[in-house]
Amino acid sequence: MCRNYLFSFNKMQYFTQKESITGCILCHISKHDHKCEELVLWENEYFIISLNLYPYNPGHLIIFPKRHIEDFRKFSETEIMQINRITKACLNLLDETYHPAGYNIGYNMGLCAGASIEHIHQHIVPRYKNEIGIEEIIGGSRILVESPRESHKRLLDTISEKHIFT
């Protein structure tokens, strides 16, 4: 069976960084380690909201706890309440900034489930009316219409303008 493989031209830089990052990348981001690129939008004492460096769509967010846990069941009751509140605020932020038609929201828990990072994190992927979806990803290439750095700037502007996490 012949398979087509998608190639991300900018991901090689991630693997060949001069300053090697060992350990959990999300823990490094939580500590604001200068060795890793950071697209943090907001944080509190429990969680960080960041743009995904390799997004499926513009505005693809990840929410992760500052403490390293790998299983959803390890969240405290306070963390469960916090992440639900933060998720709602993220949806409002994305609605204000991008006006998507829908969302995919979920966790990849464990490497076999697609989690390339074992530190638990929630994805919020905005979906748009004119995109094909998974068929487009599997069947060919996608064109990302906005860089994560531009998304970061746009979302920070919306947070500031609309006072979304206050």
N, C-alpha and C. Protein backbone atom coordinates (compact mmCIF):
# COMPACT_ATOMS: atom_id res chain seq x y z
N MET A 1 0.84 -1.18 0.00
CA MET A 1 0.00 0.00 0.00
C MET A 1 0.89 1.24 0.00
N CYS A 2 0.65 2.14 -0.89
CA CYS A 2 1.41 3.39 -0.98
C CYS A 2 0.71 4.44 -0.14
N ARG A 3 1.48 5.15 0.65
CA ARG A 3 0.91 6.20 1.50
C ARG A 3 1.54 7.53 1.16
N ASN A 4 0.75 8.56 1.26
CA ASN A 4 1.27 9.91 1.11
C ASN A 4 1.61 10.42 2.50
N TYR A 5 2.73 11.09 2.63
CA TYR A 5 3.14 11.64 3.90
C TYR A 5 3.12 13.16 3.81
N LEU A 6 2.63 13.78 4.86
CA LEU A 6 2.65 15.23 4.93
C LEU A 6 3.99 15.64 5.53
N PHE A 7 4.52 16.72 5.05
CA PHE A 7 5.81 17.19 5.52
C PHE A 7 5.66 18.62 5.99
N SER A 8 6.08 18.89 7.21
CA SER A 8 6.05 20.24 7.75
C SER A 8 7.46 20.82 7.61
N PHE A 9 7.60 21.81 6.75
CA PHE A 9 8.91 22.37 6.46
C PHE A 9 9.56 23.04 7.66
N ASN A 10 8.77 23.58 8.57
CA ASN A 10 9.34 24.30 9.70
C ASN A 10 9.54 23.43 10.94
N LYS A 11 9.09 22.20 10.94
CA LYS A 11 9.20 21.37 12.13
C LYS A 11 10.61 20.83 12.32
N MET A 12 11.40 20.74 11.26
CA MET A 12 12.78 20.25 11.39
C MET A 12 13.57 21.12 12.34
N GLN A 13 13.32 22.42 12.32
CA GLN A 13 14.01 23.34 13.23
C GLN A 13 13.78 22.93 14.69
N TYR A 14 12.56 22.48 14.99
CA TYR A 14 12.20 22.04 16.33
C TYR A 14 13.09 20.87 16.77
N PHE A 15 13.35 19.95 15.85
CA PHE A 15 14.14 18.76 16.18
C PHE A 15 15.63 19.01 16.19
N THR A 16 16.10 20.05 15.51
CA THR A 16 17.54 20.29 15.39
C THR A 16 17.98 21.55 16.11
N GLN A 17 17.26 21.94 17.13
CA GLN A 17 17.61 23.15 17.87
C GLN A 17 19.02 23.02 18.43
N LYS A 18 19.75 24.15 18.40
CA LYS A 18 21.11 24.14 18.93
C LYS A 18 21.11 23.88 20.42
N GLU A 19 20.22 24.52 21.12
CA GLU A 19 20.10 24.29 22.56
C GLU A 19 19.06 23.21 22.76
N SER A 20 19.52 22.02 23.05
CA SER A 20 18.61 20.90 23.21
C SER A 20 17.77 21.06 24.47
N ILE A 21 16.51 20.80 24.34
CA ILE A 21 15.61 20.86 25.48
C ILE A 21 15.35 19.44 25.94
N THR A 22 15.72 19.15 27.16
CA THR A 22 15.46 17.83 27.70
C THR A 22 14.31 17.92 28.69
N GLY A 23 13.57 16.86 28.80
CA GLY A 23 12.44 16.85 29.71
C GLY A 23 11.18 17.33 29.02
N CYS A 24 10.22 17.70 29.80
CA CYS A 24 8.89 18.07 29.31
C CYS A 24 8.86 19.51 28.80
N ILE A 25 8.51 19.67 27.53
CA ILE A 25 8.46 21.00 26.92
C ILE A 25 7.43 21.91 27.61
N LEU A 26 6.29 21.34 28.04
CA LEU A 26 5.28 22.17 28.69
C LEU A 26 5.74 22.62 30.09
N CYS A 27 6.52 21.79 30.76
CA CYS A 27 7.11 22.22 32.04
C CYS A 27 8.11 23.35 31.82
N HIS A 28 8.89 23.27 30.72
CA HIS A 28 9.81 24.36 30.38
C HIS A 28 9.05 25.65 30.11
N ILE A 29 7.94 25.54 29.37
CA ILE A 29 7.13 26.73 29.09
C ILE A 29 6.54 27.28 30.39
N SER A 30 6.10 26.40 31.28
CA SER A 30 5.55 26.84 32.57
C SER A 30 6.57 27.65 33.36
N LYS A 31 7.85 27.32 33.20
CA LYS A 31 8.93 28.01 33.92
C LYS A 31 9.49 29.18 33.10
N HIS A 32 8.87 29.45 31.94
CA HIS A 32 9.31 30.52 31.03
C HIS A 32 10.79 30.37 30.68
N ASP A 33 11.17 29.14 30.37
CA ASP A 33 12.54 28.82 29.96
C ASP A 33 12.83 29.48 28.62
N HIS A 34 13.91 30.24 28.55
CA HIS A 34 14.26 30.97 27.32
C HIS A 34 14.67 30.05 26.16
N LYS A 35 14.91 28.77 26.42
CA LYS A 35 15.36 27.84 25.38
C LYS A 35 14.23 27.41 24.44
N CYS A 36 12.99 27.58 24.87
CA CYS A 36 11.89 27.11 24.02
C CYS A 36 11.02 28.29 23.59
N GLU A 37 10.53 28.18 22.37
CA GLU A 37 9.66 29.23 21.86
C GLU A 37 8.35 29.19 22.63
N GLU A 38 7.89 30.34 23.00
CA GLU A 38 6.71 30.44 23.86
C GLU A 38 5.68 31.32 23.19
N LEU A 39 4.46 30.83 23.12
CA LEU A 39 3.34 31.59 22.56
C LEU A 39 2.23 31.70 23.59
N VAL A 40 2.61 31.96 24.84
CA VAL A 40 1.66 32.05 25.94
C VAL A 40 0.77 33.28 25.76
N LEU A 41 -0.52 33.06 25.95
CA LEU A 41 -1.50 34.14 25.89
C LEU A 41 -1.91 34.63 27.27
N TRP A 42 -1.97 33.69 28.21
CA TRP A 42 -2.49 34.03 29.54
C TRP A 42 -2.13 32.90 30.48
N GLU A 43 -2.02 33.22 31.76
CA GLU A 43 -1.79 32.18 32.77
C GLU A 43 -2.31 32.64 34.12
N ASN A 44 -2.60 31.66 34.95
CA ASN A 44 -2.91 31.93 36.36
C ASN A 44 -2.07 30.97 37.19
N GLU A 45 -2.38 30.78 38.43
CA GLU A 45 -1.54 29.92 39.27
C GLU A 45 -1.65 28.45 38.91
N TYR A 46 -2.69 28.05 38.18
CA TYR A 46 -2.91 26.64 37.85
C TYR A 46 -2.62 26.27 36.39
N PHE A 47 -2.96 27.15 35.45
CA PHE A 47 -2.94 26.81 34.02
C PHE A 47 -2.28 27.87 33.17
N ILE A 48 -1.89 27.44 31.98
CA ILE A 48 -1.36 28.31 30.94
C ILE A 48 -2.18 28.07 29.67
N ILE A 49 -2.47 29.16 28.97
CA ILE A 49 -3.09 29.07 27.64
C ILE A 49 -2.02 29.50 26.65
N SER A 50 -1.81 28.66 25.64
CA SER A 50 -0.80 28.95 24.63
C SER A 50 -1.35 28.64 23.25
N LEU A 51 -0.80 29.32 22.24
CA LEU A 51 -1.04 28.93 20.86
C LEU A 51 -0.27 27.64 20.63
N ASN A 52 -0.81 26.78 19.82
CA ASN A 52 -0.08 25.59 19.40
C ASN A 52 0.94 26.03 18.35
N LEU A 53 2.21 25.67 18.55
CA LEU A 53 3.26 26.06 17.62
C LEU A 53 3.08 25.41 16.25
N TYR A 54 2.41 24.25 16.20
CA TYR A 54 2.14 23.55 14.94
C TYR A 54 0.63 23.34 14.83
N PRO A 55 -0.10 24.42 14.52
CA PRO A 55 -1.57 24.39 14.59
C PRO A 55 -2.22 23.68 13.41
N TYR A 56 -3.44 23.18 13.67
CA TYR A 56 -4.29 22.67 12.59
C TYR A 56 -5.00 23.81 11.88
N ASN A 57 -5.33 24.85 12.62
CA ASN A 57 -6.02 26.02 12.08
C ASN A 57 -5.56 27.26 12.84
N PRO A 58 -5.74 28.46 12.28
CA PRO A 58 -5.45 29.67 13.04
C PRO A 58 -6.26 29.71 14.34
N GLY A 59 -5.60 30.07 15.42
CA GLY A 59 -6.27 30.13 16.71
C GLY A 59 -6.25 28.83 17.49
N HIS A 60 -5.55 27.80 17.02
CA HIS A 60 -5.47 26.50 17.71
C HIS A 60 -4.75 26.70 19.05
N LEU A 61 -5.51 26.55 20.13
CA LEU A 61 -5.00 26.77 21.47
C LEU A 61 -4.72 25.46 22.19
N ILE A 62 -3.81 25.53 23.15
CA ILE A 62 -3.65 24.44 24.12
C ILE A 62 -3.71 25.05 25.51
N ILE A 63 -4.36 24.32 26.40
CA ILE A 63 -4.45 24.71 27.81
C ILE A 63 -3.80 23.59 28.59
N PHE A 64 -2.87 23.93 29.46
CA PHE A 64 -2.20 22.88 30.23
C PHE A 64 -1.92 23.34 31.65
N PRO A 65 -1.91 22.36 32.59
CA PRO A 65 -1.63 22.71 33.98
C PRO A 65 -0.15 23.03 34.16
N LYS A 66 0.13 23.92 35.10
CA LYS A 66 1.52 24.24 35.40
C LYS A 66 2.24 23.07 36.06
N ARG A 67 1.51 22.29 36.81
CA ARG A 67 2.15 21.11 37.41
C ARG A 67 2.10 19.96 36.40
N HIS A 68 3.12 19.15 36.42
CA HIS A 68 3.22 18.06 35.45
C HIS A 68 2.33 16.89 35.89
N ILE A 69 1.26 16.67 35.12
CA ILE A 69 0.45 15.47 35.29
C ILE A 69 0.19 14.91 33.90
N GLU A 70 -0.07 13.61 33.84
CA GLU A 70 -0.24 12.95 32.55
C GLU A 70 -1.64 12.38 32.35
N ASP A 71 -2.47 12.43 33.38
CA ASP A 71 -3.78 11.78 33.33
C ASP A 71 -4.85 12.76 33.81
N PHE A 72 -5.92 12.87 33.06
CA PHE A 72 -7.03 13.75 33.39
C PHE A 72 -7.54 13.50 34.82
N ARG A 73 -7.53 12.25 35.24
CA ARG A 73 -8.05 11.88 36.56
C ARG A 73 -7.20 12.40 37.71
N LYS A 74 -6.04 12.95 37.40
CA LYS A 74 -5.16 13.52 38.44
C LYS A 74 -5.46 14.99 38.72
N PHE A 75 -6.35 15.60 37.91
CA PHE A 75 -6.74 16.97 38.19
C PHE A 75 -7.45 17.05 39.54
N SER A 76 -7.16 18.08 40.30
CA SER A 76 -7.90 18.33 41.54
C SER A 76 -9.26 18.91 41.17
N GLU A 77 -10.17 18.95 42.11
CA GLU A 77 -11.48 19.55 41.86
C GLU A 77 -11.34 21.02 41.48
N THR A 78 -10.42 21.72 42.11
CA THR A 78 -10.17 23.13 41.78
C THR A 78 -9.68 23.25 40.34
N GLU A 79 -8.77 22.37 39.94
CA GLU A 79 -8.26 22.41 38.56
C GLU A 79 -9.36 22.11 37.55
N ILE A 80 -10.25 21.18 37.86
CA ILE A 80 -11.37 20.87 36.96
C ILE A 80 -12.25 22.12 36.78
N MET A 81 -12.56 22.79 37.88
CA MET A 81 -13.38 24.00 37.79
C MET A 81 -12.64 25.08 37.00
N GLN A 82 -11.34 25.22 37.25
CA GLN A 82 -10.54 26.23 36.55
C GLN A 82 -10.48 25.96 35.05
N ILE A 83 -10.20 24.73 34.65
CA ILE A 83 -10.06 24.46 33.22
C ILE A 83 -11.39 24.62 32.49
N ASN A 84 -12.49 24.32 33.16
CA ASN A 84 -13.79 24.55 32.53
C ASN A 84 -14.06 26.05 32.34
N ARG A 85 -13.73 26.83 33.34
CA ARG A 85 -13.89 28.29 33.24
C ARG A 85 -12.97 28.85 32.15
N ILE A 86 -11.74 28.37 32.11
CA ILE A 86 -10.76 28.84 31.12
C ILE A 86 -11.18 28.43 29.71
N THR A 87 -11.70 27.22 29.56
CA THR A 87 -12.16 26.75 28.25
C THR A 87 -13.26 27.67 27.72
N LYS A 88 -14.21 28.00 28.58
CA LYS A 88 -15.30 28.90 28.19
C LYS A 88 -14.75 30.26 27.75
N ALA A 89 -13.79 30.79 28.51
CA ALA A 89 -13.19 32.08 28.15
C ALA A 89 -12.43 31.99 26.83
N CYS A 90 -11.76 30.86 26.58
CA CYS A 90 -11.05 30.66 25.31
C CYS A 90 -12.02 30.64 24.13
N LEU A 91 -13.16 29.99 24.31
CA LEU A 91 -14.17 29.97 23.24
C LEU A 91 -14.66 31.38 22.95
N ASN A 92 -14.87 32.18 24.00
CA ASN A 92 -15.28 33.58 23.81
C ASN A 92 -14.19 34.36 23.08
N LEU A 93 -12.94 34.13 23.46
CA LEU A 93 -11.81 34.80 22.81
C LEU A 93 -11.74 34.46 21.32
N LEU A 94 -11.86 33.18 21.00
CA LEU A 94 -11.79 32.75 19.61
C LEU A 94 -13.00 33.24 18.81
N ASP A 95 -14.18 33.24 19.44
CA ASP A 95 -15.37 33.79 18.77
C ASP A 95 -15.15 35.26 18.42
N GLU A 96 -14.63 36.03 19.35
CA GLU A 96 -14.39 37.46 19.14
C GLU A 96 -13.35 37.72 18.06
N THR A 97 -12.33 36.86 18.00
CA THR A 97 -11.20 37.10 17.11
C THR A 97 -11.38 36.49 15.73
N TYR A 98 -11.87 35.25 15.66
CA TYR A 98 -11.90 34.51 14.40
C TYR A 98 -13.30 34.16 13.87
N HIS A 99 -14.29 34.17 14.73
CA HIS A 99 -15.66 33.83 14.34
C HIS A 99 -15.75 32.45 13.65
N PRO A 100 -15.21 31.40 14.28
CA PRO A 100 -15.27 30.08 13.65
C PRO A 100 -16.70 29.54 13.64
N ALA A 101 -16.92 28.52 12.81
CA ALA A 101 -18.23 27.89 12.71
C ALA A 101 -18.41 26.81 13.77
N GLY A 102 -17.33 26.33 14.36
CA GLY A 102 -17.40 25.28 15.37
C GLY A 102 -16.03 25.04 15.98
N TYR A 103 -15.96 24.01 16.82
CA TYR A 103 -14.71 23.71 17.53
C TYR A 103 -14.54 22.21 17.68
N ASN A 104 -13.28 21.78 17.71
CA ASN A 104 -12.92 20.48 18.25
C ASN A 104 -12.22 20.77 19.57
N ILE A 105 -12.66 20.13 20.64
CA ILE A 105 -12.07 20.32 21.96
C ILE A 105 -11.77 18.94 22.51
N GLY A 106 -10.53 18.74 22.98
CA GLY A 106 -10.25 17.43 23.56
C GLY A 106 -8.82 17.28 24.04
N TYR A 107 -8.62 16.17 24.73
CA TYR A 107 -7.32 15.79 25.28
C TYR A 107 -6.79 14.59 24.52
N ASN A 108 -5.49 14.55 24.32
CA ASN A 108 -4.81 13.33 23.90
C ASN A 108 -4.06 12.86 25.15
N MET A 109 -4.46 11.73 25.69
CA MET A 109 -3.87 11.26 26.93
C MET A 109 -3.10 9.98 26.65
N GLY A 110 -1.78 10.07 26.66
CA GLY A 110 -0.93 8.94 26.38
C GLY A 110 -0.39 8.98 24.97
N LEU A 111 0.83 8.50 24.80
CA LEU A 111 1.49 8.55 23.51
C LEU A 111 0.73 7.79 22.43
N CYS A 112 0.14 6.67 22.77
CA CYS A 112 -0.61 5.88 21.79
C CYS A 112 -1.89 6.58 21.35
N ALA A 113 -2.35 7.54 22.12
CA ALA A 113 -3.57 8.28 21.78
C ALA A 113 -3.27 9.53 20.97
N GLY A 114 -2.03 9.69 20.58
CA GLY A 114 -1.68 10.84 19.76
C GLY A 114 -1.02 11.98 20.51
N ALA A 115 -0.77 11.79 21.80
CA ALA A 115 -0.13 12.84 22.58
C ALA A 115 1.38 12.79 22.34
N SER A 116 1.91 13.76 21.61
CA SER A 116 3.35 13.81 21.39
C SER A 116 4.06 14.37 22.62
N ILE A 117 3.29 14.91 23.54
CA ILE A 117 3.78 15.43 24.82
C ILE A 117 2.98 14.74 25.91
N GLU A 118 3.68 14.13 26.87
CA GLU A 118 2.95 13.37 27.90
C GLU A 118 2.29 14.25 28.95
N HIS A 119 2.73 15.47 29.13
CA HIS A 119 2.10 16.43 30.03
C HIS A 119 0.70 16.69 29.48
N ILE A 120 -0.33 16.43 30.28
CA ILE A 120 -1.69 16.55 29.75
C ILE A 120 -1.96 17.98 29.29
N HIS A 121 -2.66 18.09 28.18
CA HIS A 121 -3.04 19.39 27.65
C HIS A 121 -4.31 19.23 26.83
N GLN A 122 -5.10 20.27 26.87
CA GLN A 122 -6.37 20.28 26.14
C GLN A 122 -6.18 21.11 24.87
N HIS A 123 -6.66 20.58 23.75
CA HIS A 123 -6.65 21.32 22.48
C HIS A 123 -8.00 21.98 22.26
N ILE A 124 -7.99 23.20 21.77
CA ILE A 124 -9.19 23.85 21.26
C ILE A 124 -8.85 24.26 19.84
N VAL A 125 -9.49 23.60 18.88
CA VAL A 125 -9.21 23.85 17.46
C VAL A 125 -10.44 24.50 16.83
N PRO A 126 -10.32 25.78 16.43
CA PRO A 126 -11.43 26.41 15.72
C PRO A 126 -11.62 25.75 14.35
N ARG A 127 -12.89 25.57 13.96
CA ARG A 127 -13.20 24.97 12.65
C ARG A 127 -14.00 25.98 11.84
N TYR A 128 -13.79 25.98 10.54
CA TYR A 128 -14.37 26.98 9.67
C TYR A 128 -15.21 26.33 8.58
N LYS A 129 -16.24 27.04 8.11
CA LYS A 129 -17.21 26.49 7.16
C LYS A 129 -16.58 25.95 5.89
N ASN A 130 -15.60 26.59 5.35
CA ASN A 130 -15.07 26.20 4.05
C ASN A 130 -13.92 25.21 4.10
N GLU A 131 -13.61 24.70 5.26
CA GLU A 131 -12.55 23.69 5.31
C GLU A 131 -13.17 22.31 5.15
N ILE A 132 -12.42 21.42 4.61
CA ILE A 132 -12.93 20.06 4.36
C ILE A 132 -12.82 19.21 5.63
N GLY A 133 -11.74 19.38 6.38
CA GLY A 133 -11.57 18.61 7.61
C GLY A 133 -10.55 17.50 7.44
N ILE A 134 -10.77 16.40 8.13
CA ILE A 134 -9.78 15.33 8.19
C ILE A 134 -9.48 14.75 6.81
N GLU A 135 -10.46 14.73 5.93
CA GLU A 135 -10.21 14.22 4.57
C GLU A 135 -9.14 15.05 3.88
N GLU A 136 -9.18 16.36 4.10
CA GLU A 136 -8.19 17.25 3.51
C GLU A 136 -6.81 16.94 4.06
N ILE A 137 -6.72 16.67 5.36
CA ILE A 137 -5.44 16.38 5.99
C ILE A 137 -4.88 15.06 5.47
N ILE A 138 -5.71 14.04 5.42
CA ILE A 138 -5.26 12.73 4.98
C ILE A 138 -5.02 12.69 3.47
N GLY A 139 -5.88 13.32 2.72
CA GLY A 139 -5.83 13.22 1.27
C GLY A 139 -4.83 14.14 0.59
N GLY A 140 -4.31 15.11 1.26
CA GLY A 140 -3.42 16.04 0.59
C GLY A 140 -2.78 17.00 1.57
N SER A 141 -2.56 18.18 1.10
CA SER A 141 -1.88 19.18 1.90
C SER A 141 -2.87 20.24 2.35
N ARG A 142 -2.48 20.95 3.39
CA ARG A 142 -3.27 22.07 3.87
C ARG A 142 -2.43 23.31 3.79
N ILE A 143 -3.06 24.40 3.59
CA ILE A 143 -2.37 25.68 3.59
C ILE A 143 -2.82 26.41 4.85
N LEU A 144 -1.87 26.70 5.71
CA LEU A 144 -2.17 27.45 6.91
C LEU A 144 -2.15 28.93 6.55
N VAL A 145 -3.25 29.60 6.76
CA VAL A 145 -3.41 30.96 6.27
C VAL A 145 -2.83 32.02 7.20
N GLU A 146 -2.42 31.61 8.39
CA GLU A 146 -1.87 32.58 9.34
C GLU A 146 -0.84 31.88 10.21
N SER A 147 0.30 32.52 10.42
CA SER A 147 1.34 31.92 11.26
C SER A 147 0.90 31.96 12.72
N PRO A 148 1.38 31.03 13.55
CA PRO A 148 1.04 31.06 14.97
C PRO A 148 1.47 32.36 15.65
N ARG A 149 2.54 32.98 15.18
CA ARG A 149 3.00 34.23 15.77
C ARG A 149 2.00 35.36 15.48
N GLU A 150 1.43 35.37 14.27
CA GLU A 150 0.41 36.37 13.94
C GLU A 150 -0.87 36.09 14.74
N SER A 151 -1.24 34.82 14.87
CA SER A 151 -2.40 34.46 15.71
C SER A 151 -2.18 34.94 17.13
N HIS A 152 -0.98 34.75 17.65
CA HIS A 152 -0.63 35.17 19.01
C HIS A 152 -0.88 36.66 19.18
N LYS A 153 -0.39 37.45 18.24
CA LYS A 153 -0.58 38.90 18.31
C LYS A 153 -2.06 39.27 18.25
N ARG A 154 -2.79 38.68 17.32
CA ARG A 154 -4.23 38.99 17.19
C ARG A 154 -4.99 38.64 18.46
N LEU A 155 -4.70 37.48 19.04
CA LEU A 155 -5.42 37.06 20.24
C LEU A 155 -5.05 37.92 21.44
N LEU A 156 -3.78 38.30 21.58
CA LEU A 156 -3.39 39.20 22.66
C LEU A 156 -4.10 40.55 22.53
N ASP A 157 -4.23 41.03 21.30
CA ASP A 157 -4.96 42.29 21.08
C ASP A 157 -6.41 42.15 21.52
N THR A 158 -7.06 41.03 21.20
CA THR A 158 -8.45 40.81 21.61
C THR A 158 -8.56 40.71 23.12
N ILE A 159 -7.63 39.99 23.76
CA ILE A 159 -7.65 39.87 25.22
C ILE A 159 -7.57 41.26 25.84
N SER A 160 -6.67 42.10 25.35
CA SER A 160 -6.50 43.44 25.88
C SER A 160 -7.73 44.32 25.63
N GLU A 161 -8.24 44.24 24.41
CA GLU A 161 -9.36 45.09 24.01
C GLU A 161 -10.67 44.69 24.70
N LYS A 162 -10.93 43.40 24.79
CA LYS A 162 -12.23 42.90 25.30
C LYS A 162 -12.16 42.49 26.77
N HIS A 163 -10.98 42.55 27.37
CA HIS A 163 -10.77 42.20 28.79
C HIS A 163 -11.25 40.77 29.06
N ILE A 164 -10.89 39.85 28.22
CA ILE A 164 -11.41 38.46 28.31
C ILE A 164 -10.81 37.73 29.51
N PHE A 165 -9.97 37.72 30.17
CA PHE A 165 -9.56 36.87 31.28
C PHE A 165 -9.52 37.66 32.57
N THR A 166 -10.32 38.73 32.65
CA THR A 166 -10.27 39.53 33.88
C THR A 166 -11.47 39.28 34.75
